[in-house]
Amino acid sequence: MDATLVSAPRQRMTKEEKARAKAGEAASDIWPDDLSKAAQKDTDARWTVKYSKAKTTKEGEEDTGLVDISVPHFGYKNHVSIDRKWRFIRGGDWHECGSLRRA
């Protein structure tokens, strides 16, 4: 199983609009008077935290090891798994699979 973070443009919304988007309302329901604005808004993307490693060395010192750092990320988390027995790639929410060829 592997996860990939896919970036999305950050949305500029009011607190009320954010609450409605988190509740699962469609963009056309949140902005019924301005359909061009609703077409541009991405109400499915979410904030998540991406963890990474950083070195903690200072000039003139030896390497003291790695430290976990967290980076905020706005977008989607795409999960993919490979079934080795049946040679299928399985995606997160869909059940359409592609067969793998042996190399």
PDB file of N, CA and C in Angstrom:
ATOM      1  N   MET A   1       0.850  -1.170   0.000  1.00  0.00           N
ATOM      2  CA  MET A   1       0.000   0.000   0.000  1.00  0.00           C
ATOM      3  C   MET A   1       0.893   1.229   0.000  1.00  0.00           C
ATOM      4  N   ASP A   2       0.564   2.193  -0.826  1.00  0.00           N
ATOM      5  CA  ASP A   2       1.353   3.408  -0.927  1.00  0.00           C
ATOM      6  C   ASP A   2       0.402   4.591  -1.022  1.00  0.00           C
ATOM      7  N   ALA A   3       0.798   5.723  -0.489  1.00  0.00           N
ATOM      8  CA  ALA A   3      -0.025   6.932  -0.556  1.00  0.00           C
ATOM      9  C   ALA A   3       0.774   8.043  -1.212  1.00  0.00           C
ATOM     10  N   THR A   4       0.121   8.778  -2.083  1.00  0.00           N
ATOM     11  CA  THR A   4       0.727   9.910  -2.752  1.00  0.00           C
ATOM     12  C   THR A   4      -0.114  11.144  -2.463  1.00  0.00           C
ATOM     13  N   LEU A   5       0.548  12.256  -2.150  1.00  0.00           N
ATOM     14  CA  LEU A   5      -0.169  13.499  -1.912  1.00  0.00           C
ATOM     15  C   LEU A   5      -0.244  14.285  -3.215  1.00  0.00           C
ATOM     16  N   VAL A   6      -1.448  14.677  -3.602  1.00  0.00           N
ATOM     17  CA  VAL A   6      -1.686  15.449  -4.812  1.00  0.00           C
ATOM     18  C   VAL A   6      -2.109  16.850  -4.390  1.00  0.00           C
ATOM     19  N   SER A   7      -1.360  17.864  -4.803  1.00  0.00           N
ATOM     20  CA  SER A   7      -1.640  19.233  -4.396  1.00  0.00           C
ATOM     21  C   SER A   7      -2.863  19.784  -5.108  1.00  0.00           C
ATOM     22  N   ALA A   8      -3.541  20.706  -4.426  1.00  0.00           N
ATOM     23  CA  ALA A   8      -4.681  21.430  -4.989  1.00  0.00           C
ATOM     24  C   ALA A   8      -4.520  22.897  -4.614  1.00  0.00           C
ATOM     25  N   PRO A   9      -5.045  23.811  -5.432  1.00  0.00           N
ATOM     26  CA  PRO A   9      -4.964  25.230  -5.077  1.00  0.00           C
ATOM     27  C   PRO A   9      -5.717  25.514  -3.778  1.00  0.00           C
ATOM     28  N   ARG A  10      -5.157  26.350  -2.942  1.00  0.00           N
ATOM     29  CA  ARG A  10      -5.802  26.701  -1.674  1.00  0.00           C
ATOM     30  C   ARG A  10      -7.028  27.555  -1.952  1.00  0.00           C
ATOM     31  N   GLN A  11      -8.088  27.275  -1.233  1.00  0.00           N
ATOM     32  CA  GLN A  11      -9.355  27.953  -1.442  1.00  0.00           C
ATOM     33  C   GLN A  11      -9.497  29.119  -0.475  1.00  0.00           C
ATOM     34  N   ARG A  12     -10.059  30.215  -0.956  1.00  0.00           N
ATOM     35  CA  ARG A  12     -10.350  31.381  -0.126  1.00  0.00           C
ATOM     36  C   ARG A  12     -11.853  31.383   0.138  1.00  0.00           C
ATOM     37  N   MET A  13     -12.242  30.934   1.332  1.00  0.00           N
ATOM     38  CA  MET A  13     -13.656  30.839   1.676  1.00  0.00           C
ATOM     39  C   MET A  13     -13.884  31.412   3.074  1.00  0.00           C
ATOM     40  N   THR A  14     -15.118  31.828   3.349  1.00  0.00           N
ATOM     41  CA  THR A  14     -15.480  32.298   4.688  1.00  0.00           C
ATOM     42  C   THR A  14     -15.669  31.083   5.602  1.00  0.00           C
ATOM     43  N   LYS A  15     -15.800  31.322   6.894  1.00  0.00           N
ATOM     44  CA  LYS A  15     -15.987  30.228   7.844  1.00  0.00           C
ATOM     45  C   LYS A  15     -17.270  29.456   7.550  1.00  0.00           C
ATOM     46  N   GLU A  16     -18.324  30.170   7.192  1.00  0.00           N
ATOM     47  CA  GLU A  16     -19.596  29.510   6.875  1.00  0.00           C
ATOM     48  C   GLU A  16     -19.458  28.625   5.632  1.00  0.00           C
ATOM     49  N   GLU A  17     -18.773  29.135   4.611  1.00  0.00           N
ATOM     50  CA  GLU A  17     -18.576  28.356   3.378  1.00  0.00           C
ATOM     51  C   GLU A  17     -17.720  27.121   3.648  1.00  0.00           C
ATOM     52  N   LYS A  18     -16.686  27.270   4.485  1.00  0.00           N
ATOM     53  CA  LYS A  18     -15.842  26.123   4.840  1.00  0.00           C
ATOM     54  C   LYS A  18     -16.639  25.055   5.572  1.00  0.00           C
ATOM     55  N   ALA A  19     -17.493  25.480   6.497  1.00  0.00           N
ATOM     56  CA  ALA A  19     -18.302  24.525   7.261  1.00  0.00           C
ATOM     57  C   ALA A  19     -19.255  23.765   6.336  1.00  0.00           C
ATOM     58  N   ARG A  20     -19.848  24.467   5.381  1.00  0.00           N
ATOM     59  CA  ARG A  20     -20.758  23.813   4.442  1.00  0.00           C
ATOM     60  C   ARG A  20     -20.006  22.848   3.524  1.00  0.00           C
ATOM     61  N   ALA A  21     -18.791  23.216   3.117  1.00  0.00           N
ATOM     62  CA  ALA A  21     -17.987  22.328   2.267  1.00  0.00           C
ATOM     63  C   ALA A  21     -17.578  21.070   3.026  1.00  0.00           C
ATOM     64  N   LYS A  22     -17.204  21.222   4.308  1.00  0.00           N
ATOM     65  CA  LYS A  22     -16.836  20.068   5.135  1.00  0.00           C
ATOM     66  C   LYS A  22     -18.021  19.155   5.396  1.00  0.00           C
ATOM     67  N   ALA A  23     -19.219  19.730   5.412  1.00  0.00           N
ATOM     68  CA  ALA A  23     -20.431  18.939   5.625  1.00  0.00           C
ATOM     69  C   ALA A  23     -20.797  18.110   4.395  1.00  0.00           C
ATOM     70  N   GLY A  24     -20.132  18.390   3.267  1.00  0.00           N
ATOM     71  CA  GLY A  24     -20.357  17.585   2.067  1.00  0.00           C
ATOM     72  C   GLY A  24     -21.277  18.211   1.041  1.00  0.00           C
ATOM     73  N   GLU A  25     -21.621  19.483   1.219  1.00  0.00           N
ATOM     74  CA  GLU A  25     -22.488  20.147   0.245  1.00  0.00           C
ATOM     75  C   GLU A  25     -21.740  20.385  -1.060  1.00  0.00           C
ATOM     76  N   ALA A  26     -22.459  20.377  -2.160  1.00  0.00           N
ATOM     77  CA  ALA A  26     -21.874  20.636  -3.470  1.00  0.00           C
ATOM     78  C   ALA A  26     -21.606  22.135  -3.619  1.00  0.00           C
ATOM     79  N   ALA A  27     -20.653  22.477  -4.482  1.00  0.00           N
ATOM     80  CA  ALA A  27     -20.307  23.878  -4.697  1.00  0.00           C
ATOM     81  C   ALA A  27     -21.490  24.663  -5.262  1.00  0.00           C
ATOM     82  N   SER A  28     -22.304  24.027  -6.103  1.00  0.00           N
ATOM     83  CA  SER A  28     -23.465  24.721  -6.669  1.00  0.00           C
ATOM     84  C   SER A  28     -24.520  25.028  -5.604  1.00  0.00           C
ATOM     85  N   ASP A  29     -24.538  24.271  -4.506  1.00  0.00           N
ATOM     86  CA  ASP A  29     -25.456  24.554  -3.398  1.00  0.00           C
ATOM     87  C   ASP A  29     -24.931  25.672  -2.492  1.00  0.00           C
ATOM     88  N   ILE A  30     -23.606  25.773  -2.365  1.00  0.00           N
ATOM     89  CA  ILE A  30     -23.004  26.794  -1.512  1.00  0.00           C
ATOM     90  C   ILE A  30     -23.082  28.168  -2.190  1.00  0.00           C
ATOM     91  N   TRP A  31     -22.843  28.217  -3.503  1.00  0.00           N
ATOM     92  CA  TRP A  31     -22.885  29.462  -4.266  1.00  0.00           C
ATOM     93  C   TRP A  31     -23.930  29.353  -5.389  1.00  0.00           C
ATOM     94  N   PRO A  32     -25.239  29.358  -5.060  1.00  0.00           N
ATOM     95  CA  PRO A  32     -26.260  29.188  -6.101  1.00  0.00           C
ATOM     96  C   PRO A  32     -26.398  30.410  -7.016  1.00  0.00           C
ATOM     97  N   ASP A  33     -26.040  31.602  -6.535  1.00  0.00           N
ATOM     98  CA  ASP A  33     -26.183  32.816  -7.343  1.00  0.00           C
ATOM     99  C   ASP A  33     -24.992  33.058  -8.263  1.00  0.00           C
ATOM    100  N   ASP A  34     -23.854  32.455  -7.951  1.00  0.00           N
ATOM    101  CA  ASP A  34     -22.628  32.697  -8.719  1.00  0.00           C
ATOM    102  C   ASP A  34     -22.068  31.358  -9.198  1.00  0.00           C
ATOM    103  N   LEU A  35     -22.613  30.846 -10.306  1.00  0.00           N
ATOM    104  CA  LEU A  35     -22.210  29.523 -10.801  1.00  0.00           C
ATOM    105  C   LEU A  35     -20.783  29.514 -11.341  1.00  0.00           C
ATOM    106  N   SER A  36     -20.282  30.656 -11.813  1.00  0.00           N
ATOM    107  CA  SER A  36     -18.896  30.691 -12.290  1.00  0.00           C
ATOM    108  C   SER A  36     -17.921  30.534 -11.112  1.00  0.00           C
ATOM    109  N   LYS A  37     -18.283  31.091  -9.962  1.00  0.00           N
ATOM    110  CA  LYS A  37     -17.457  30.931  -8.760  1.00  0.00           C
ATOM    111  C   LYS A  37     -17.527  29.483  -8.267  1.00  0.00           C
ATOM    112  N   ALA A  38     -18.720  28.906  -8.306  1.00  0.00           N
ATOM    113  CA  ALA A  38     -18.898  27.522  -7.860  1.00  0.00           C
ATOM    114  C   ALA A  38     -18.105  26.559  -8.743  1.00  0.00           C
ATOM    115  N   ALA A  39     -17.975  26.870 -10.024  1.00  0.00           N
ATOM    116  CA  ALA A  39     -17.219  26.004 -10.934  1.00  0.00           C
ATOM    117  C   ALA A  39     -15.723  26.020 -10.624  1.00  0.00           C
ATOM    118  N   GLN A  40     -15.231  27.107 -10.024  1.00  0.00           N
ATOM    119  CA  GLN A  40     -13.808  27.239  -9.730  1.00  0.00           C
ATOM    120  C   GLN A  40     -13.414  26.702  -8.357  1.00  0.00           C
ATOM    121  N   LYS A  41     -14.371  26.501  -7.467  1.00  0.00           N
ATOM    122  CA  LYS A  41     -14.064  26.070  -6.102  1.00  0.00           C
ATOM    123  C   LYS A  41     -13.942  24.554  -6.007  1.00  0.00           C
ATOM    124  N   ASP A  42     -12.938  24.108  -5.289  1.00  0.00           N
ATOM    125  CA  ASP A  42     -12.710  22.685  -5.045  1.00  0.00           C
ATOM    126  C   ASP A  42     -13.132  22.400  -3.601  1.00  0.00           C
ATOM    127  N   THR A  43     -14.284  21.779  -3.426  1.00  0.00           N
ATOM    128  CA  THR A  43     -14.803  21.541  -2.074  1.00  0.00           C
ATOM    129  C   THR A  43     -14.415  20.166  -1.535  1.00  0.00           C
ATOM    130  N   ASP A  44     -13.681  19.365  -2.298  1.00  0.00           N
ATOM    131  CA  ASP A  44     -13.308  18.017  -1.857  1.00  0.00           C
ATOM    132  C   ASP A  44     -11.901  17.934  -1.267  1.00  0.00           C
ATOM    133  N   ALA A  45     -11.030  18.884  -1.580  1.00  0.00           N
ATOM    134  CA  ALA A  45      -9.653  18.849  -1.083  1.00  0.00           C
ATOM    135  C   ALA A  45      -9.638  19.149   0.413  1.00  0.00           C
ATOM    136  N   ARG A  46      -8.665  18.573   1.132  1.00  0.00           N
ATOM    137  CA  ARG A  46      -8.555  18.748   2.587  1.00  0.00           C
ATOM    138  C   ARG A  46      -7.110  19.014   2.990  1.00  0.00           C
ATOM    139  N   TRP A  47      -6.942  19.564   4.185  1.00  0.00           N
ATOM    140  CA  TRP A  47      -5.607  19.760   4.760  1.00  0.00           C
ATOM    141  C   TRP A  47      -5.148  18.461   5.399  1.00  0.00           C
ATOM    142  N   THR A  48      -3.873  18.152   5.238  1.00  0.00           N
ATOM    143  CA  THR A  48      -3.256  17.004   5.891  1.00  0.00           C
ATOM    144  C   THR A  48      -1.828  17.382   6.245  1.00  0.00           C
ATOM    145  N   VAL A  49      -1.147  16.541   6.967  1.00  0.00           N
ATOM    146  CA  VAL A  49       0.228  16.799   7.366  1.00  0.00           C
ATOM    147  C   VAL A  49       1.128  15.759   6.720  1.00  0.00           C
ATOM    148  N   LYS A  50       2.167  16.240   6.060  1.00  0.00           N
ATOM    149  CA  LYS A  50       3.150  15.371   5.421  1.00  0.00           C
ATOM    150  C   LYS A  50       4.379  15.347   6.336  1.00  0.00           C
ATOM    151  N   TYR A  51       4.834  14.159   6.693  1.00  0.00           N
ATOM    152  CA  TYR A  51       5.986  14.031   7.581  1.00  0.00           C
ATOM    153  C   TYR A  51       7.240  13.765   6.763  1.00  0.00           C
ATOM    154  N   SER A  52       8.350  14.346   7.203  1.00  0.00           N
ATOM    155  CA  SER A  52       9.609  14.202   6.502  1.00  0.00           C
ATOM    156  C   SER A  52      10.735  14.146   7.533  1.00  0.00           C
ATOM    157  N   LYS A  53      11.939  13.935   7.068  1.00  0.00           N
ATOM    158  CA  LYS A  53      13.116  13.906   7.939  1.00  0.00           C
ATOM    159  C   LYS A  53      14.024  15.073   7.586  1.00  0.00           C
ATOM    160  N   ALA A  54      14.646  15.670   8.593  1.00  0.00           N
ATOM    161  CA  ALA A  54      15.579  16.770   8.382  1.00  0.00           C
ATOM    162  C   ALA A  54      16.819  16.529   9.218  1.00  0.00           C
ATOM    163  N   LYS A  55      17.956  16.886   8.671  1.00  0.00           N
ATOM    164  CA  LYS A  55      19.208  16.758   9.419  1.00  0.00           C
ATOM    165  C   LYS A  55      19.330  17.911  10.402  1.00  0.00           C
ATOM    166  N   THR A  56      19.935  17.635  11.548  1.00  0.00           N
ATOM    167  CA  THR A  56      20.088  18.656  12.581  1.00  0.00           C
ATOM    168  C   THR A  56      21.550  19.018  12.790  1.00  0.00           C
ATOM    169  N   THR A  57      22.286  19.229  11.714  1.00  0.00           N
ATOM    170  CA  THR A  57      23.700  19.580  11.847  1.00  0.00           C
ATOM    171  C   THR A  57      23.862  21.091  11.805  1.00  0.00           C
ATOM    172  N   LYS A  58      24.816  21.563  12.553  1.00  0.00           N
ATOM    173  CA  LYS A  58      25.189  22.974  12.522  1.00  0.00           C
ATOM    174  C   LYS A  58      26.584  23.059  11.934  1.00  0.00           C
ATOM    175  N   GLU A  59      26.951  24.234  11.520  1.00  0.00           N
ATOM    176  CA  GLU A  59      28.257  24.421  10.912  1.00  0.00           C
ATOM    177  C   GLU A  59      29.364  24.058  11.892  1.00  0.00           C
ATOM    178  N   GLY A  60      30.287  23.227  11.456  1.00  0.00           N
ATOM    179  CA  GLY A  60      31.412  22.836  12.293  1.00  0.00           C
ATOM    180  C   GLY A  60      31.131  21.660  13.213  1.00  0.00           C
ATOM    181  N   GLU A  61      29.927  21.100  13.216  1.00  0.00           N
ATOM    182  CA  GLU A  61      29.589  19.966  14.069  1.00  0.00           C
ATOM    183  C   GLU A  61      29.384  18.717  13.229  1.00  0.00           C
ATOM    184  N   GLU A  62      29.478  17.574  13.870  1.00  0.00           N
ATOM    185  CA  GLU A  62      29.199  16.325  13.182  1.00  0.00           C
ATOM    186  C   GLU A  62      27.695  16.126  13.069  1.00  0.00           C
ATOM    187  N   ASP A  63      27.313  15.189  12.197  1.00  0.00           N
ATOM    188  CA  ASP A  63      25.892  14.899  11.998  1.00  0.00           C
ATOM    189  C   ASP A  63      25.304  14.346  13.299  1.00  0.00           C
ATOM    190  N   THR A  64      24.258  14.979  13.816  1.00  0.00           N
ATOM    191  CA  THR A  64      23.646  14.542  15.067  1.00  0.00           C
ATOM    192  C   THR A  64      22.420  13.668  14.839  1.00  0.00           C
ATOM    193  N   GLY A  65      22.072  13.389  13.581  1.00  0.00           N
ATOM    194  CA  GLY A  65      20.948  12.507  13.305  1.00  0.00           C
ATOM    195  C   GLY A  65      19.825  13.205  12.559  1.00  0.00           C
ATOM    196  N   LEU A  66      18.722  12.485  12.418  1.00  0.00           N
ATOM    197  CA  LEU A  66      17.565  13.007  11.702  1.00  0.00           C
ATOM    198  C   LEU A  66      16.440  13.331  12.671  1.00  0.00           C
ATOM    199  N   VAL A  67      15.675  14.357  12.345  1.00  0.00           N
ATOM    200  CA  VAL A  67      14.558  14.792  13.166  1.00  0.00           C
ATOM    201  C   VAL A  67      13.305  14.800  12.295  1.00  0.00           C
ATOM    202  N   ASP A  68      12.166  14.347  12.837  1.00  0.00           N
ATOM    203  CA  ASP A  68      10.901  14.408  12.106  1.00  0.00           C
ATOM    204  C   ASP A  68      10.416  15.848  12.039  1.00  0.00           C
ATOM    205  N   ILE A  69       9.993  16.254  10.839  1.00  0.00           N
ATOM    206  CA  ILE A  69       9.350  17.552  10.686  1.00  0.00           C
ATOM    207  C   ILE A  69       8.002  17.326  10.007  1.00  0.00           C
ATOM    208  N   SER A  70       7.059  18.197  10.271  1.00  0.00           N
ATOM    209  CA  SER A  70       5.742  18.077   9.649  1.00  0.00           C
ATOM    210  C   SER A  70       5.500  19.293   8.766  1.00  0.00           C
ATOM    211  N   VAL A  71       4.966  19.029   7.578  1.00  0.00           N
ATOM    212  CA  VAL A  71       4.701  20.072   6.601  1.00  0.00           C
ATOM    213  C   VAL A  71       3.208  20.030   6.274  1.00  0.00           C
ATOM    214  N   PRO A  72       2.461  21.136   6.491  1.00  0.00           N
ATOM    215  CA  PRO A  72       1.048  21.129   6.133  1.00  0.00           C
ATOM    216  C   PRO A  72       0.883  21.064   4.621  1.00  0.00           C
ATOM    217  N   HIS A  73      -0.119  20.323   4.175  1.00  0.00           N
ATOM    218  CA  HIS A  73      -0.340  20.091   2.747  1.00  0.00           C
ATOM    219  C   HIS A  73      -1.837  20.159   2.457  1.00  0.00           C
ATOM    220  N   PHE A  74      -2.221  20.890   1.397  1.00  0.00           N
ATOM    221  CA  PHE A  74      -3.624  20.996   0.998  1.00  0.00           C
ATOM    222  C   PHE A  74      -3.810  20.259  -0.315  1.00  0.00           C
ATOM    223  N   GLY A  75      -4.719  19.305  -0.331  1.00  0.00           N
ATOM    224  CA  GLY A  75      -4.982  18.557  -1.554  1.00  0.00           C
ATOM    225  C   GLY A  75      -5.646  17.233  -1.247  1.00  0.00           C
ATOM    226  N   TYR A  76      -5.204  16.211  -1.965  1.00  0.00           N
ATOM    227  CA  TYR A  76      -5.788  14.879  -1.878  1.00  0.00           C
ATOM    228  C   TYR A  76      -4.718  13.863  -1.509  1.00  0.00           C
ATOM    229  N   LYS A  77      -5.145  12.797  -0.846  1.00  0.00           N
ATOM    230  CA  LYS A  77      -4.252  11.671  -0.557  1.00  0.00           C
ATOM    231  C   LYS A  77      -4.743  10.507  -1.399  1.00  0.00           C
ATOM    232  N   ASN A  78      -3.910  10.056  -2.323  1.00  0.00           N
ATOM    233  CA  ASN A  78      -4.265   9.004  -3.261  1.00  0.00           C
ATOM    234  C   ASN A  78      -3.609   7.704  -2.805  1.00  0.00           C
ATOM    235  N   HIS A  79      -4.416   6.685  -2.495  1.00  0.00           N
ATOM    236  CA  HIS A  79      -3.902   5.397  -2.038  1.00  0.00           C
ATOM    237  C   HIS A  79      -3.950   4.377  -3.177  1.00  0.00           C
ATOM    238  N   VAL A  80      -2.880   3.616  -3.320  1.00  0.00           N
ATOM    239  CA  VAL A  80      -2.809   2.582  -4.343  1.00  0.00           C
ATOM    240  C   VAL A  80      -2.183   1.344  -3.715  1.00  0.00           C
ATOM    241  N   SER A  81      -2.721   0.178  -4.036  1.00  0.00           N
ATOM    242  CA  SER A  81      -2.107  -1.064  -3.580  1.00  0.00           C
ATOM    243  C   SER A  81      -1.996  -2.018  -4.764  1.00  0.00           C
ATOM    244  N   ILE A  82      -1.037  -2.915  -4.686  1.00  0.00           N
ATOM    245  CA  ILE A  82      -0.813  -3.893  -5.746  1.00  0.00           C
ATOM    246  C   ILE A  82      -1.076  -5.277  -5.188  1.00  0.00           C
ATOM    247  N   ASP A  83      -1.946  -6.017  -5.837  1.00  0.00           N
ATOM    248  CA  ASP A  83      -2.256  -7.392  -5.462  1.00  0.00           C
ATOM    249  C   ASP A  83      -1.338  -8.294  -6.271  1.00  0.00           C
ATOM    250  N   ARG A  84      -0.296  -8.838  -5.654  1.00  0.00           N
ATOM    251  CA  ARG A  84       0.691  -9.639  -6.374  1.00  0.00           C
ATOM    252  C   ARG A  84       0.146 -10.985  -6.824  1.00  0.00           C
ATOM    253  N   LYS A  85      -0.770 -11.548  -6.061  1.00  0.00           N
ATOM    254  CA  LYS A  85      -1.309 -12.855  -6.424  1.00  0.00           C
ATOM    255  C   LYS A  85      -2.115 -12.770  -7.717  1.00  0.00           C
ATOM    256  N   TRP A  86      -2.991 -11.761  -7.835  1.00  0.00           N
ATOM    257  CA  TRP A  86      -3.867 -11.634  -9.000  1.00  0.00           C
ATOM    258  C   TRP A  86      -3.354 -10.616 -10.014  1.00  0.00           C
ATOM    259  N   ARG A  87      -2.214  -9.958  -9.724  1.00  0.00           N
ATOM    260  CA  ARG A  87      -1.569  -8.984 -10.594  1.00  0.00           C
ATOM    261  C   ARG A  87      -2.507  -7.839 -10.979  1.00  0.00           C
ATOM    262  N   PHE A  88      -3.085  -7.210  -9.963  1.00  0.00           N
ATOM    263  CA  PHE A  88      -3.964  -6.069 -10.172  1.00  0.00           C
ATOM    264  C   PHE A  88      -3.437  -4.858  -9.410  1.00  0.00           C
ATOM    265  N   ILE A  89      -3.672  -3.671  -9.955  1.00  0.00           N
ATOM    266  CA  ILE A  89      -3.441  -2.424  -9.239  1.00  0.00           C
ATOM    267  C   ILE A  89      -4.796  -1.982  -8.730  1.00  0.00           C
ATOM    268  N   ARG A  90      -4.896  -1.813  -7.423  1.00  0.00           N
ATOM    269  CA  ARG A  90      -6.175  -1.431  -6.825  1.00  0.00           C
ATOM    270  C   ARG A  90      -6.063  -0.008  -6.297  1.00  0.00           C
ATOM    271  N   GLY A  91      -7.010   0.822  -6.699  1.00  0.00           N
ATOM    272  CA  GLY A  91      -7.029   2.210  -6.253  1.00  0.00           C
ATOM    273  C   GLY A  91      -7.867   2.360  -5.001  1.00  0.00           C
ATOM    274  N   GLY A  92      -7.848   3.550  -4.422  1.00  0.00           N
ATOM    275  CA  GLY A  92      -8.535   3.819  -3.168  1.00  0.00           C
ATOM    276  C   GLY A  92     -10.026   3.564  -3.192  1.00  0.00           C
ATOM    277  N   ASP A  93     -10.804   4.366  -3.950  1.00  0.00           N
ATOM    278  CA  ASP A  93     -12.254   4.287  -3.878  1.00  0.00           C
ATOM    279  C   ASP A  93     -12.902   3.617  -5.083  1.00  0.00           C
ATOM    280  N   TRP A  94     -12.150   3.379  -6.147  1.00  0.00           N
ATOM    281  CA  TRP A  94     -12.762   2.772  -7.314  1.00  0.00           C
ATOM    282  C   TRP A  94     -12.366   1.314  -7.415  1.00  0.00           C
ATOM    283  N   HIS A  95     -13.147   0.543  -8.134  1.00  0.00           N
ATOM    284  CA  HIS A  95     -12.891  -0.890  -8.237  1.00  0.00           C
ATOM    285  C   HIS A  95     -12.455  -1.296  -9.629  1.00  0.00           C
ATOM    286  N   GLU A  96     -12.196  -0.322 -10.488  1.00  0.00           N
ATOM    287  CA  GLU A  96     -11.704  -0.619 -11.817  1.00  0.00           C
ATOM    288  C   GLU A  96     -10.216  -0.911 -11.704  1.00  0.00           C
ATOM    289  N   CYS A  97      -9.770  -2.032 -12.169  1.00  0.00           N
ATOM    290  CA  CYS A  97      -8.386  -2.451 -11.981  1.00  0.00           C
ATOM    291  C   CYS A  97      -7.731  -2.710 -13.324  1.00  0.00           C
ATOM    292  N   GLY A  98      -6.424  -2.553 -13.370  1.00  0.00           N
ATOM    293  CA  GLY A  98      -5.670  -2.852 -14.569  1.00  0.00           C
ATOM    294  C   GLY A  98      -4.750  -4.022 -14.310  1.00  0.00           C
ATOM    295  N   SER A  99      -4.612  -4.901 -15.245  1.00  0.00           N
ATOM    296  CA  SER A  99      -3.769  -6.076 -15.058  1.00  0.00           C
ATOM    297  C   SER A  99      -2.302  -5.711 -15.276  1.00  0.00           C
ATOM    298  N   LEU A 100      -1.417  -6.305 -14.514  1.00  0.00           N
ATOM    299  CA  LEU A 100       0.014  -6.095 -14.659  1.00  0.00           C
ATOM    300  C   LEU A 100       0.608  -7.196 -15.510  1.00  0.00           C
ATOM    301  N   ARG A 101       1.585  -6.833 -16.315  1.00  0.00           N
ATOM    302  CA  ARG A 101       2.320  -7.832 -17.087  1.00  0.00           C
ATOM    303  C   ARG A 101       3.600  -8.182 -16.358  1.00  0.00           C
ATOM    304  N   ARG A 102       4.014  -9.411 -16.479  1.00  0.00           N
ATOM    305  CA  ARG A 102       5.292  -9.810 -15.875  1.00  0.00           C
ATOM    306  C   ARG A 102       6.418  -9.373 -16.776  1.00  0.00           C
ATOM    307  N   ALA A 103       7.446  -8.806 -16.177  1.00  0.00           N
ATOM    308  CA  ALA A 103       8.585  -8.320 -16.973  1.00  0.00           C
ATOM    309  C   ALA A 103       9.618  -9.401 -17.122  1.00  0.00           C
TER     310      ALA A 103
END
